[in-house]
Amino acid sequence: MDYKIFRVPVLNFVFRTSKTIPIASAKDDPQQLEKAYDEIAKALRNGDLVGIFPEGRITDNGGFIHSAPALHVSSRARRSR
């Protein structure tokens, strides 16, 4: 979930309760990105399920847009085991 949405008070409660991990792009906030990677790795080590939803949008023809950053998060979390 985009880290900026966590600043909205009511939504912050909902996201924290559901264990959503805030994430930022390296350009927006590199420290927040590293913190998200650490939290993802910790959750995976604890046996939790981590859903990674690709950024971007649906293409004009309804196809999927490749998302390398999500794959990076997944592979990085595995290496930290």
N, C-alpha and C. Protein backbone atom coordinates (compact mmCIF):
# COMPACT_ATOMS: atom_id res chain seq x y z
N MET A 1 0.85 -1.17 0.00
CA MET A 1 0.00 0.00 0.00
C MET A 1 0.89 1.24 0.00
N ASP A 2 0.54 2.22 -0.80
CA ASP A 2 1.31 3.46 -0.86
C ASP A 2 1.36 4.10 0.52
N TYR A 3 2.57 4.41 0.96
CA TYR A 3 2.78 4.93 2.31
C TYR A 3 2.02 6.23 2.58
N LYS A 4 1.73 7.00 1.55
CA LYS A 4 1.04 8.28 1.75
C LYS A 4 -0.39 8.08 2.26
N ILE A 5 -1.02 6.98 1.87
CA ILE A 5 -2.39 6.72 2.30
C ILE A 5 -2.44 6.42 3.79
N PHE A 6 -1.33 5.94 4.35
CA PHE A 6 -1.30 5.65 5.78
C PHE A 6 -1.44 6.92 6.64
N ARG A 7 -1.27 8.07 6.05
CA ARG A 7 -1.40 9.33 6.79
C ARG A 7 -2.85 9.72 7.04
N VAL A 8 -3.79 9.11 6.36
CA VAL A 8 -5.22 9.40 6.54
C VAL A 8 -5.67 8.67 7.81
N PRO A 9 -6.12 9.40 8.84
CA PRO A 9 -6.39 8.81 10.15
C PRO A 9 -7.27 7.56 10.15
N VAL A 10 -8.43 7.58 9.58
CA VAL A 10 -9.32 6.42 9.63
C VAL A 10 -8.73 5.26 8.83
N LEU A 11 -8.19 5.56 7.66
CA LEU A 11 -7.59 4.51 6.84
C LEU A 11 -6.36 3.91 7.52
N ASN A 12 -5.61 4.73 8.23
CA ASN A 12 -4.44 4.24 8.95
C ASN A 12 -4.84 3.13 9.91
N PHE A 13 -5.92 3.31 10.64
CA PHE A 13 -6.39 2.29 11.57
C PHE A 13 -6.75 1.00 10.83
N VAL A 14 -7.48 1.14 9.74
CA VAL A 14 -7.90 -0.04 8.96
C VAL A 14 -6.68 -0.79 8.43
N PHE A 15 -5.73 -0.07 7.87
CA PHE A 15 -4.56 -0.71 7.28
C PHE A 15 -3.68 -1.36 8.35
N ARG A 16 -3.48 -0.69 9.48
CA ARG A 16 -2.67 -1.28 10.55
C ARG A 16 -3.33 -2.53 11.10
N THR A 17 -4.65 -2.50 11.25
CA THR A 17 -5.39 -3.64 11.77
C THR A 17 -5.28 -4.85 10.84
N SER A 18 -5.23 -4.60 9.54
CA SER A 18 -5.14 -5.69 8.57
C SER A 18 -3.68 -6.05 8.22
N LYS A 19 -2.74 -5.46 8.96
CA LYS A 19 -1.31 -5.74 8.79
C LYS A 19 -0.78 -5.38 7.41
N THR A 20 -1.34 -4.33 6.84
CA THR A 20 -0.86 -3.84 5.55
C THR A 20 0.51 -3.20 5.73
N ILE A 21 1.41 -3.43 4.81
CA ILE A 21 2.76 -2.87 4.88
C ILE A 21 2.86 -1.68 3.94
N PRO A 22 3.12 -0.49 4.51
CA PRO A 22 3.27 0.69 3.65
C PRO A 22 4.58 0.61 2.86
N ILE A 23 4.53 1.04 1.61
CA ILE A 23 5.72 0.99 0.76
C ILE A 23 5.80 2.28 -0.07
N ALA A 24 7.01 2.65 -0.41
CA ALA A 24 7.25 3.84 -1.23
C ALA A 24 8.21 3.47 -2.34
N SER A 25 8.23 4.27 -3.37
CA SER A 25 9.23 4.05 -4.41
C SER A 25 10.58 4.54 -3.90
N ALA A 26 11.64 4.07 -4.51
CA ALA A 26 12.99 4.50 -4.13
C ALA A 26 13.15 5.99 -4.37
N LYS A 27 12.45 6.51 -5.35
CA LYS A 27 12.52 7.94 -5.66
C LYS A 27 11.81 8.78 -4.59
N ASP A 28 10.63 8.32 -4.15
CA ASP A 28 9.86 9.08 -3.16
C ASP A 28 10.47 9.04 -1.76
N ASP A 29 10.81 7.83 -1.29
CA ASP A 29 11.29 7.69 0.09
C ASP A 29 12.08 6.39 0.22
N PRO A 30 13.39 6.43 -0.06
CA PRO A 30 14.19 5.21 -0.02
C PRO A 30 14.20 4.52 1.35
N GLN A 31 14.12 5.30 2.42
CA GLN A 31 14.09 4.70 3.76
C GLN A 31 12.80 3.93 3.99
N GLN A 32 11.68 4.46 3.54
CA GLN A 32 10.41 3.76 3.67
C GLN A 32 10.42 2.48 2.85
N LEU A 33 11.04 2.51 1.69
CA LEU A 33 11.15 1.33 0.85
C LEU A 33 11.95 0.24 1.56
N GLU A 34 13.08 0.59 2.14
CA GLU A 34 13.90 -0.38 2.87
C GLU A 34 13.14 -0.95 4.07
N LYS A 35 12.41 -0.08 4.77
CA LYS A 35 11.61 -0.55 5.91
C LYS A 35 10.55 -1.55 5.44
N ALA A 36 9.93 -1.28 4.31
CA ALA A 36 8.93 -2.20 3.76
C ALA A 36 9.57 -3.54 3.41
N TYR A 37 10.74 -3.52 2.78
CA TYR A 37 11.45 -4.76 2.46
C TYR A 37 11.72 -5.56 3.73
N ASP A 38 12.17 -4.88 4.76
CA ASP A 38 12.45 -5.56 6.03
C ASP A 38 11.19 -6.17 6.63
N GLU A 39 10.09 -5.44 6.59
CA GLU A 39 8.83 -5.95 7.14
C GLU A 39 8.31 -7.14 6.33
N ILE A 40 8.46 -7.09 5.02
CA ILE A 40 8.05 -8.20 4.16
C ILE A 40 8.89 -9.44 4.48
N ALA A 41 10.19 -9.27 4.58
CA ALA A 41 11.08 -10.40 4.89
C ALA A 41 10.73 -11.00 6.25
N LYS A 42 10.48 -10.15 7.23
CA LYS A 42 10.12 -10.62 8.57
C LYS A 42 8.81 -11.42 8.53
N ALA A 43 7.83 -10.91 7.82
CA ALA A 43 6.54 -11.60 7.72
C ALA A 43 6.72 -12.97 7.07
N LEU A 44 7.51 -13.05 6.01
CA LEU A 44 7.75 -14.33 5.35
C LEU A 44 8.50 -15.31 6.25
N ARG A 45 9.49 -14.81 6.97
CA ARG A 45 10.21 -15.68 7.91
C ARG A 45 9.29 -16.23 8.99
N ASN A 46 8.29 -15.45 9.37
CA ASN A 46 7.33 -15.87 10.39
C ASN A 46 6.24 -16.78 9.82
N GLY A 47 6.31 -17.05 8.54
CA GLY A 47 5.33 -17.93 7.91
C GLY A 47 4.05 -17.23 7.50
N ASP A 48 4.03 -15.92 7.55
CA ASP A 48 2.85 -15.17 7.13
C ASP A 48 2.76 -15.13 5.60
N LEU A 49 1.56 -14.99 5.12
CA LEU A 49 1.32 -14.83 3.69
C LEU A 49 1.44 -13.35 3.35
N VAL A 50 2.23 -13.03 2.34
CA VAL A 50 2.40 -11.64 1.90
C VAL A 50 1.89 -11.53 0.47
N GLY A 51 0.87 -10.71 0.28
CA GLY A 51 0.36 -10.46 -1.06
C GLY A 51 1.05 -9.26 -1.66
N ILE A 52 1.55 -9.41 -2.85
CA ILE A 52 2.21 -8.31 -3.54
C ILE A 52 1.39 -7.98 -4.78
N PHE A 53 0.89 -6.76 -4.81
CA PHE A 53 0.05 -6.34 -5.92
C PHE A 53 0.86 -5.39 -6.79
N PRO A 54 0.97 -5.69 -8.07
CA PRO A 54 1.79 -4.86 -8.95
C PRO A 54 1.27 -3.44 -9.09
N GLU A 55 2.22 -2.55 -9.21
CA GLU A 55 1.84 -1.15 -9.43
C GLU A 55 1.48 -0.94 -10.88
N GLY A 56 0.98 0.20 -11.16
CA GLY A 56 0.67 0.51 -12.55
C GLY A 56 -0.82 0.53 -12.80
N ARG A 57 -1.18 0.15 -14.00
CA ARG A 57 -2.58 0.21 -14.38
C ARG A 57 -2.88 -0.92 -15.35
N ILE A 58 -4.14 -1.08 -15.64
CA ILE A 58 -4.55 -2.05 -16.65
C ILE A 58 -4.29 -1.42 -18.01
N THR A 59 -3.80 -2.21 -18.92
CA THR A 59 -3.54 -1.70 -20.27
C THR A 59 -4.85 -1.40 -20.98
N ASP A 60 -4.75 -0.68 -22.06
CA ASP A 60 -5.94 -0.33 -22.84
C ASP A 60 -6.68 -1.56 -23.37
N ASN A 61 -5.93 -2.65 -23.59
CA ASN A 61 -6.57 -3.87 -24.09
C ASN A 61 -6.89 -4.87 -22.98
N GLY A 62 -6.70 -4.46 -21.71
CA GLY A 62 -7.03 -5.33 -20.57
C GLY A 62 -5.92 -6.29 -20.17
N GLY A 63 -4.78 -6.20 -20.83
CA GLY A 63 -3.66 -7.08 -20.52
C GLY A 63 -2.92 -6.65 -19.25
N PHE A 64 -2.00 -7.47 -18.83
CA PHE A 64 -1.22 -7.22 -17.63
C PHE A 64 0.07 -6.50 -17.97
N ILE A 65 0.45 -5.53 -17.16
CA ILE A 65 1.72 -4.83 -17.33
C ILE A 65 2.74 -5.49 -16.42
N HIS A 66 3.88 -5.90 -16.97
CA HIS A 66 4.94 -6.55 -16.19
C HIS A 66 5.38 -5.64 -15.05
N SER A 67 5.61 -6.21 -13.88
CA SER A 67 5.99 -5.43 -12.71
C SER A 67 7.27 -5.95 -12.09
N ALA A 68 8.39 -5.46 -12.53
CA ALA A 68 9.67 -5.90 -11.98
C ALA A 68 9.85 -5.56 -10.52
N PRO A 69 9.40 -4.37 -10.01
CA PRO A 69 9.61 -4.08 -8.59
C PRO A 69 8.98 -5.13 -7.66
N ALA A 70 7.82 -5.65 -7.99
CA ALA A 70 7.20 -6.66 -7.14
C ALA A 70 8.03 -7.93 -7.12
N LEU A 71 8.60 -8.29 -8.25
CA LEU A 71 9.46 -9.47 -8.30
C LEU A 71 10.71 -9.24 -7.49
N HIS A 72 11.23 -8.04 -7.50
CA HIS A 72 12.41 -7.70 -6.71
C HIS A 72 12.13 -7.88 -5.23
N VAL A 73 10.99 -7.42 -4.76
CA VAL A 73 10.63 -7.56 -3.35
C VAL A 73 10.58 -9.03 -2.98
N SER A 74 9.94 -9.83 -3.79
CA SER A 74 9.79 -11.25 -3.51
C SER A 74 11.14 -11.95 -3.44
N SER A 75 12.01 -11.70 -4.38
CA SER A 75 13.30 -12.39 -4.38
C SER A 75 14.18 -11.89 -3.24
N ARG A 76 14.10 -10.64 -2.91
CA ARG A 76 14.90 -10.11 -1.81
C ARG A 76 14.46 -10.71 -0.49
N ALA A 77 13.17 -10.87 -0.29
CA ALA A 77 12.66 -11.45 0.95
C ALA A 77 13.13 -12.89 1.10
N ARG A 78 13.19 -13.63 0.01
CA ARG A 78 13.66 -15.02 0.08
C ARG A 78 15.13 -15.10 0.46
N ARG A 79 15.94 -14.19 -0.06
CA ARG A 79 17.38 -14.21 0.25
C ARG A 79 17.64 -13.91 1.71
N SER A 80 16.73 -13.22 2.39
CA SER A 80 16.99 -12.81 3.77
C SER A 80 16.64 -13.90 4.78
N ARG A 81 16.18 -15.04 4.32
CA ARG A 81 15.82 -16.14 5.23
C ARG A 81 16.98 -16.66 6.00
